[in-house]
PDB file of N, CA and C in Angstrom:
ATOM      1  N   MET A   1     105.525 -75.449   6.068  1.00  0.00           N
ATOM      2  CA  MET A   1     104.218 -75.773   5.581  1.00  0.00           C
ATOM      3  C   MET A   1     104.343 -77.043   4.751  1.00  0.00           C
ATOM      4  N   PRO A   2     103.331 -77.921   4.823  1.00  0.00           N
ATOM      5  CA  PRO A   2     103.374 -79.141   4.014  1.00  0.00           C
ATOM      6  C   PRO A   2     103.444 -78.828   2.513  1.00  0.00           C
ATOM      7  N   ALA A   3     103.921 -79.779   1.748  1.00  0.00           N
ATOM      8  CA  ALA A   3     104.030 -79.624   0.295  1.00  0.00           C
ATOM      9  C   ALA A   3     102.691 -79.212  -0.305  1.00  0.00           C
ATOM     10  N   GLY A   4     102.729 -78.298  -1.245  1.00  0.00           N
ATOM     11  CA  GLY A   4     101.520 -77.842  -1.913  1.00  0.00           C
ATOM     12  C   GLY A   4     100.841 -76.660  -1.250  1.00  0.00           C
ATOM     13  N   GLN A   5     101.342 -76.216  -0.088  1.00  0.00           N
ATOM     14  CA  GLN A   5     100.769 -75.059   0.604  1.00  0.00           C
ATOM     15  C   GLN A   5     101.683 -73.852   0.425  1.00  0.00           C
ATOM     16  N   THR A   6     101.077 -72.685   0.235  1.00  0.00           N
ATOM     17  CA  THR A   6     101.827 -71.447   0.030  1.00  0.00           C
ATOM     18  C   THR A   6     101.206 -70.340   0.868  1.00  0.00           C
ATOM     19  N   SER A   7     102.032 -69.600   1.607  1.00  0.00           N
ATOM     20  CA  SER A   7     101.572 -68.446   2.367  1.00  0.00           C
ATOM     21  C   SER A   7     101.355 -67.302   1.388  1.00  0.00           C
ATOM     22  N   THR A   8     100.121 -66.793   1.334  1.00  0.00           N
ATOM     23  CA  THR A   8      99.801 -65.761   0.348  1.00  0.00           C
ATOM     24  C   THR A   8      99.841 -64.349   0.920  1.00  0.00           C
ATOM     25  N   ASN A   9      99.519 -64.148   2.186  1.00  0.00           N
ATOM     26  CA  ASN A   9      99.649 -62.858   2.866  1.00  0.00           C
ATOM     27  C   ASN A   9      99.555 -63.090   4.361  1.00  0.00           C
ATOM     28  N   GLY A  10      99.862 -62.084   5.160  1.00  0.00           N
ATOM     29  CA  GLY A  10      99.832 -62.292   6.604  1.00  0.00           C
ATOM     30  C   GLY A  10      99.848 -60.995   7.375  1.00  0.00           C
ATOM     31  N   TRP A  11      99.925 -61.130   8.706  1.00  0.00           N
ATOM     32  CA  TRP A  11      99.913 -59.974   9.593  1.00  0.00           C
ATOM     33  C   TRP A  11     100.777 -60.262  10.811  1.00  0.00           C
ATOM     34  N   GLY A  12     101.340 -59.210  11.367  1.00  0.00           N
ATOM     35  CA  GLY A  12     102.129 -59.316  12.594  1.00  0.00           C
ATOM     36  C   GLY A  12     103.562 -59.761  12.390  1.00  0.00           C
ATOM     37  N   ALA A  13     103.932 -60.154  11.172  1.00  0.00           N
ATOM     38  CA  ALA A  13     105.286 -60.621  10.906  1.00  0.00           C
ATOM     39  C   ALA A  13     105.534 -60.644   9.402  1.00  0.00           C
ATOM     40  N   THR A  14     106.808 -60.650   9.046  1.00  0.00           N
ATOM     41  CA  THR A  14     107.215 -60.856   7.662  1.00  0.00           C
ATOM     42  C   THR A  14     107.618 -62.315   7.528  1.00  0.00           C
ATOM     43  N   ARG A  15     107.115 -63.012   6.525  1.00  0.00           N
ATOM     44  CA  ARG A  15     107.378 -64.433   6.350  1.00  0.00           C
ATOM     45  C   ARG A  15     108.265 -64.669   5.141  1.00  0.00           C
ATOM     46  N   THR A  16     109.271 -65.549   5.290  1.00  0.00           N
ATOM     47  CA  THR A  16     110.097 -65.972   4.164  1.00  0.00           C
ATOM     48  C   THR A  16     110.499 -67.422   4.347  1.00  0.00           C
ATOM     49  N   PRO A  17     110.605 -68.231   3.346  1.00  0.00           N
ATOM     50  CA  PRO A  17     109.956 -68.031   2.056  1.00  0.00           C
ATOM     51  C   PRO A  17     108.463 -68.254   2.201  1.00  0.00           C
ATOM     52  N   GLY A  18     107.721 -68.301   1.133  1.00  0.00           N
ATOM     53  CA  GLY A  18     106.268 -68.468   1.200  1.00  0.00           C
ATOM     54  C   GLY A  18     105.805 -69.901   1.300  1.00  0.00           C
ATOM     55  N   THR A  19     106.713 -70.866   1.256  1.00  0.00           N
ATOM     56  CA  THR A  19     106.344 -72.279   1.332  1.00  0.00           C
ATOM     57  C   THR A  19     107.461 -73.058   2.004  1.00  0.00           C
ATOM     58  N   GLY A  20     107.186 -74.278   2.425  1.00  0.00           N
ATOM     59  CA  GLY A  20     108.188 -75.094   3.105  1.00  0.00           C
ATOM     60  C   GLY A  20     108.399 -74.624   4.527  1.00  0.00           C
ATOM     61  N   ALA A  21     109.650 -74.670   5.011  1.00  0.00           N
ATOM     62  CA  ALA A  21     109.979 -74.196   6.354  1.00  0.00           C
ATOM     63  C   ALA A  21     109.983 -72.670   6.319  1.00  0.00           C
ATOM     64  N   VAL A  22     108.962 -72.057   6.868  1.00  0.00           N
ATOM     65  CA  VAL A  22     108.773 -70.609   6.806  1.00  0.00           C
ATOM     66  C   VAL A  22     109.295 -69.962   8.086  1.00  0.00           C
ATOM     67  N   THR A  23     110.028 -68.861   7.953  1.00  0.00           N
ATOM     68  CA  THR A  23     110.499 -68.081   9.088  1.00  0.00           C
ATOM     69  C   THR A  23     109.684 -66.802   9.161  1.00  0.00           C
ATOM     70  N   ALA A  24     109.143 -66.499  10.340  1.00  0.00           N
ATOM     71  CA  ALA A  24     108.393 -65.259  10.559  1.00  0.00           C
ATOM     72  C   ALA A  24     109.218 -64.354  11.464  1.00  0.00           C
ATOM     73  N   VAL A  25     109.408 -63.106  11.034  1.00  0.00           N
ATOM     74  CA  VAL A  25     110.171 -62.115  11.798  1.00  0.00           C
ATOM     75  C   VAL A  25     109.209 -61.009  12.215  1.00  0.00           C
ATOM     76  N   HIS A  26     109.267 -60.607  13.483  1.00  0.00           N
ATOM     77  CA  HIS A  26     108.350 -59.620  14.055  1.00  0.00           C
ATOM     78  C   HIS A  26     108.175 -58.400  13.162  1.00  0.00           C
ATOM     79  N   ALA A  27     107.017 -57.806  13.246  1.00  0.00           N
ATOM     80  CA  ALA A  27     106.760 -56.528  12.575  1.00  0.00           C
ATOM     81  C   ALA A  27     107.340 -55.405  13.433  1.00  0.00           C
ATOM     82  N   SER A  28     107.502 -54.233  12.859  1.00  0.00           N
ATOM     83  CA  SER A  28     108.122 -53.126  13.580  1.00  0.00           C
ATOM     84  C   SER A  28     107.346 -52.729  14.838  1.00  0.00           C
ATOM     85  N   TYR A  29     106.043 -52.992  14.875  1.00  0.00           N
ATOM     86  CA  TYR A  29     105.233 -52.575  16.025  1.00  0.00           C
ATOM     87  C   TYR A  29     105.155 -53.627  17.132  1.00  0.00           C
ATOM     88  N   ASN A  30     105.744 -54.816  16.956  1.00  0.00           N
ATOM     89  CA  ASN A  30     105.709 -55.813  18.030  1.00  0.00           C
ATOM     90  C   ASN A  30     107.101 -56.398  18.290  1.00  0.00           C
ATOM     91  N   VAL A  31     108.114 -55.526  18.253  1.00  0.00           N
ATOM     92  CA  VAL A  31     109.497 -55.951  18.471  1.00  0.00           C
ATOM     93  C   VAL A  31     109.706 -56.494  19.878  1.00  0.00           C
ATOM     94  N   THR A  32     109.113 -55.871  20.886  1.00  0.00           N
ATOM     95  CA  THR A  32     109.310 -56.273  22.274  1.00  0.00           C
ATOM     96  C   THR A  32     108.087 -57.015  22.791  1.00  0.00           C
ATOM     97  N   THR A  33     108.335 -58.161  23.430  1.00  0.00           N
ATOM     98  CA  THR A  33     107.272 -58.929  24.067  1.00  0.00           C
ATOM     99  C   THR A  33     107.542 -58.959  25.560  1.00  0.00           C
ATOM    100  N   ALA A  34     106.576 -58.538  26.358  1.00  0.00           N
ATOM    101  CA  ALA A  34     106.735 -58.541  27.810  1.00  0.00           C
ATOM    102  C   ALA A  34     106.860 -59.974  28.333  1.00  0.00           C
ATOM    103  N   PRO A  35     107.543 -60.166  29.468  1.00  0.00           N
ATOM    104  CA  PRO A  35     107.596 -61.503  30.067  1.00  0.00           C
ATOM    105  C   PRO A  35     106.174 -62.059  30.224  1.00  0.00           C
ATOM    106  N   ASN A  36     105.987 -63.297  29.855  1.00  0.00           N
ATOM    107  CA  ASN A  36     104.686 -63.980  29.888  1.00  0.00           C
ATOM    108  C   ASN A  36     103.661 -63.319  28.967  1.00  0.00           C
ATOM    109  N   GLY A  37     104.119 -62.471  28.070  1.00  0.00           N
ATOM    110  CA  GLY A  37     103.229 -61.821  27.110  1.00  0.00           C
ATOM    111  C   GLY A  37     103.017 -62.702  25.893  1.00  0.00           C
ATOM    112  N   SER A  38     102.321 -62.186  24.922  1.00  0.00           N
ATOM    113  CA  SER A  38     102.097 -62.941  23.695  1.00  0.00           C
ATOM    114  C   SER A  38     102.101 -61.992  22.503  1.00  0.00           C
ATOM    115  N   VAL A  39     102.355 -62.554  21.346  1.00  0.00           N
ATOM    116  CA  VAL A  39     102.328 -61.827  20.089  1.00  0.00           C
ATOM    117  C   VAL A  39     101.511 -62.661  19.126  1.00  0.00           C
ATOM    118  N   GLY A  40     100.569 -62.042  18.470  1.00  0.00           N
ATOM    119  CA  GLY A  40      99.758 -62.765  17.494  1.00  0.00           C
ATOM    120  C   GLY A  40     100.264 -62.511  16.086  1.00  0.00           C
ATOM    121  N   ILE A  41     100.531 -63.584  15.359  1.00  0.00           N
ATOM    122  CA  ILE A  41     100.864 -63.478  13.947  1.00  0.00           C
ATOM    123  C   ILE A  41      99.973 -64.450  13.198  1.00  0.00           C
ATOM    124  N   GLY A  42      99.817 -64.238  11.938  1.00  0.00           N
ATOM    125  CA  GLY A  42      98.994 -65.151  11.169  1.00  0.00           C
ATOM    126  C   GLY A  42      99.241 -64.988   9.687  1.00  0.00           C
ATOM    127  N   CYS A  43      98.682 -65.901   8.932  1.00  0.00           N
ATOM    128  CA  CYS A  43      98.801 -65.804   7.485  1.00  0.00           C
ATOM    129  C   CYS A  43      97.625 -66.503   6.830  1.00  0.00           C
ATOM    130  N   ARG A  44      97.396 -66.132   5.611  1.00  0.00           N
ATOM    131  CA  ARG A  44      96.444 -66.840   4.763  1.00  0.00           C
ATOM    132  C   ARG A  44      97.284 -67.690   3.824  1.00  0.00           C
ATOM    133  N   ALA A  45      96.780 -68.836   3.488  1.00  0.00           N
ATOM    134  CA  ALA A  45      97.538 -69.744   2.633  1.00  0.00           C
ATOM    135  C   ALA A  45      96.616 -70.377   1.593  1.00  0.00           C
ATOM    136  N   SER A  46      97.218 -70.815   0.529  1.00  0.00           N
ATOM    137  CA  SER A  46      96.485 -71.577  -0.474  1.00  0.00           C
ATOM    138  C   SER A  46      97.099 -72.959  -0.539  1.00  0.00           C
ATOM    139  N   ARG A  47      96.369 -73.912  -1.090  1.00  0.00           N
ATOM    140  CA  ARG A  47      96.898 -75.275  -1.163  1.00  0.00           C
ATOM    141  C   ARG A  47      96.471 -75.952  -2.448  1.00  0.00           C
ATOM    142  N   THR A  48      97.264 -76.921  -2.820  1.00  0.00           N
ATOM    143  CA  THR A  48      96.945 -77.768  -3.960  1.00  0.00           C
ATOM    144  C   THR A  48      97.173 -79.217  -3.552  1.00  0.00           C
ATOM    145  N   GLY A  49      96.570 -79.630  -2.461  1.00  0.00           N
ATOM    146  CA  GLY A  49      96.756 -81.003  -1.995  1.00  0.00           C
ATOM    147  C   GLY A  49      96.664 -81.099  -0.492  1.00  0.00           C
ATOM    148  N   ASP A  50      97.806 -81.253   0.159  1.00  0.00           N
ATOM    149  CA  ASP A  50      97.896 -81.493   1.595  1.00  0.00           C
ATOM    150  C   ASP A  50      97.294 -80.327   2.383  1.00  0.00           C
ATOM    151  N   SER A  51      96.336 -80.596   3.273  1.00  0.00           N
ATOM    152  CA  SER A  51      95.697 -79.525   4.033  1.00  0.00           C
ATOM    153  C   SER A  51      96.009 -79.573   5.525  1.00  0.00           C
ATOM    154  N   ARG A  52      97.060 -80.319   5.906  1.00  0.00           N
ATOM    155  CA  ARG A  52      97.438 -80.380   7.319  1.00  0.00           C
ATOM    156  C   ARG A  52      97.968 -79.028   7.788  1.00  0.00           C
ATOM    157  N   PRO A  53      97.794 -78.697   9.081  1.00  0.00           N
ATOM    158  CA  PRO A  53      98.388 -77.473   9.615  1.00  0.00           C
ATOM    159  C   PRO A  53      99.900 -77.649   9.752  1.00  0.00           C
ATOM    160  N   PRO A  54     100.630 -76.559  10.001  1.00  0.00           N
ATOM    161  CA  PRO A  54     102.075 -76.682  10.242  1.00  0.00           C
ATOM    162  C   PRO A  54     102.336 -77.679  11.367  1.00  0.00           C
ATOM    163  N   THR A  55     103.473 -78.355  11.307  1.00  0.00           N
ATOM    164  CA  THR A  55     103.757 -79.413  12.274  1.00  0.00           C
ATOM    165  C   THR A  55     104.635 -78.971  13.430  1.00  0.00           C
ATOM    166  N   ALA A  56     105.286 -77.829  13.332  1.00  0.00           N
ATOM    167  CA  ALA A  56     106.163 -77.373  14.413  1.00  0.00           C
ATOM    168  C   ALA A  56     106.231 -75.857  14.411  1.00  0.00           C
ATOM    169  N   CYS A  57     106.442 -75.302  15.589  1.00  0.00           N
ATOM    170  CA  CYS A  57     106.556 -73.855  15.733  1.00  0.00           C
ATOM    171  C   CYS A  57     107.533 -73.572  16.861  1.00  0.00           C
ATOM    172  N   THR A  58     108.439 -72.627  16.639  1.00  0.00           N
ATOM    173  CA  THR A  58     109.338 -72.200  17.721  1.00  0.00           C
ATOM    174  C   THR A  58     109.362 -70.684  17.781  1.00  0.00           C
ATOM    175  N   HIS A  59     109.628 -70.164  18.960  1.00  0.00           N
ATOM    176  CA  HIS A  59     109.808 -68.723  19.175  1.00  0.00           C
ATOM    177  C   HIS A  59     111.133 -68.554  19.879  1.00  0.00           C
ATOM    178  N   ASN A  60     112.088 -67.941  19.204  1.00  0.00           N
ATOM    179  CA  ASN A  60     113.444 -67.802  19.750  1.00  0.00           C
ATOM    180  C   ASN A  60     113.998 -69.139  20.232  1.00  0.00           C
ATOM    181  N   GLY A  61     113.725 -70.196  19.476  1.00  0.00           N
ATOM    182  CA  GLY A  61     114.253 -71.517  19.788  1.00  0.00           C
ATOM    183  C   GLY A  61     113.418 -72.332  20.766  1.00  0.00           C
ATOM    184  N   THR A  62     112.340 -71.772  21.317  1.00  0.00           N
ATOM    185  CA  THR A  62     111.482 -72.473  22.263  1.00  0.00           C
ATOM    186  C   THR A  62     110.196 -72.907  21.562  1.00  0.00           C
ATOM    187  N   ALA A  63     109.796 -74.146  21.762  1.00  0.00           N
ATOM    188  CA  ALA A  63     108.582 -74.662  21.124  1.00  0.00           C
ATOM    189  C   ALA A  63     107.358 -73.862  21.536  1.00  0.00           C
ATOM    190  N   CYS A  64     106.436 -73.667  20.597  1.00  0.00           N
ATOM    191  CA  CYS A  64     105.180 -72.994  20.873  1.00  0.00           C
ATOM    192  C   CYS A  64     104.059 -73.689  20.096  1.00  0.00           C
ATOM    193  N   THR A  65     102.850 -73.229  20.239  1.00  0.00           N
ATOM    194  CA  THR A  65     101.699 -73.871  19.591  1.00  0.00           C
ATOM    195  C   THR A  65     101.686 -73.568  18.099  1.00  0.00           C
ATOM    196  N   ALA A  66     101.516 -74.603  17.300  1.00  0.00           N
ATOM    197  CA  ALA A  66     101.392 -74.449  15.845  1.00  0.00           C
ATOM    198  C   ALA A  66      99.995 -74.860  15.429  1.00  0.00           C
ATOM    199  N   GLY A  67      99.515 -74.230  14.382  1.00  0.00           N
ATOM    200  CA  GLY A  67      98.222 -74.649  13.838  1.00  0.00           C
ATOM    201  C   GLY A  67      97.171 -73.604  13.922  1.00  0.00           C
TER     202      GLY A  67
END
Protein backbone atom coordinates (compact mmCIF):
# COMPACT_ATOMS: atom_id res chain seq x y z
CA MET A 1 0.00 0.00 0.00
CA PRO A 2 1.29 3.51 -0.72
CA ALA A 3 2.74 5.53 2.17
CA GLY A 4 0.10 6.87 4.53
CA GLN A 5 -2.40 4.04 3.88
CA THR A 6 -3.27 1.44 6.52
CA SER A 7 -5.43 -1.69 6.22
CA THR A 8 -7.95 -1.43 9.05
CA ASN A 9 -10.00 -4.65 8.57
CA GLY A 10 -10.79 -7.17 5.86
CA TRP A 11 -12.43 -10.37 4.70
CA GLY A 12 -11.43 -13.60 2.99
CA ALA A 13 -7.81 -13.44 4.18
CA THR A 14 -5.51 -12.50 7.02
CA ARG A 15 -3.30 -9.51 6.15
CA THR A 16 0.15 -8.70 7.55
CA PRO A 17 1.46 -6.11 8.11
CA GLY A 18 -1.27 -3.45 7.95
CA THR A 19 0.73 -1.06 5.76
CA GLY A 20 3.42 -1.13 3.06
CA ALA A 21 3.90 -4.43 1.21
CA VAL A 22 0.96 -6.42 2.61
CA THR A 23 0.72 -10.22 2.43
CA ALA A 24 -2.76 -11.80 2.43
CA VAL A 25 -3.09 -15.47 3.45
CA HIS A 26 -6.30 -17.41 2.67
CA ALA A 27 -8.96 -17.81 5.32
CA SER A 28 -9.74 -21.30 6.60
CA TYR A 29 -12.88 -21.52 4.42
CA ASN A 30 -11.16 -20.73 1.08
CA VAL A 31 -7.98 -22.84 1.28
CA THR A 32 -8.64 -24.62 -2.04
CA THR A 33 -9.29 -22.81 -5.31
CA ALA A 34 -10.60 -24.84 -8.25
CA PRO A 35 -8.74 -24.58 -11.58
CA ASN A 36 -9.88 -21.35 -13.29
CA GLY A 37 -11.73 -20.49 -10.07
CA SER A 38 -11.52 -17.30 -8.09
CA VAL A 39 -11.27 -16.17 -4.49
CA GLY A 40 -12.50 -12.80 -3.32
CA ILE A 41 -10.59 -10.95 -0.63
CA GLY A 42 -10.82 -7.36 0.41
CA CYS A 43 -10.00 -4.81 3.03
CA ARG A 44 -10.98 -1.42 4.29
CA ALA A 45 -8.20 1.10 4.61
CA SER A 46 -7.60 4.55 5.96
CA ARG A 47 -5.24 7.15 4.56
CA THR A 48 -3.43 10.30 5.48
CA GLY A 49 -2.27 11.45 2.06
CA ASP A 50 -1.68 9.21 -0.96
CA SER A 51 -4.96 7.71 -2.23
CA ARG A 52 -3.63 5.57 -5.10
CA PRO A 53 -4.73 1.91 -5.21
CA PRO A 54 -2.14 -0.86 -4.67
CA THR A 55 0.32 -1.05 -7.55
CA ALA A 56 0.92 -4.80 -7.77
CA CYS A 57 -0.78 -8.04 -6.85
CA THR A 58 0.36 -11.66 -7.09
CA HIS A 59 -1.28 -14.99 -6.29
CA ASN A 60 1.20 -17.78 -5.64
CA GLY A 61 3.78 -15.78 -7.58
CA THR A 62 1.51 -15.08 -10.60
CA ALA A 63 0.40 -11.52 -11.36
CA CYS A 64 -3.27 -10.72 -10.81
CA THR A 65 -5.53 -7.65 -10.83
CA ALA A 66 -4.84 -5.05 -8.13
CA GLY A 67 -7.05 -2.18 -7.14
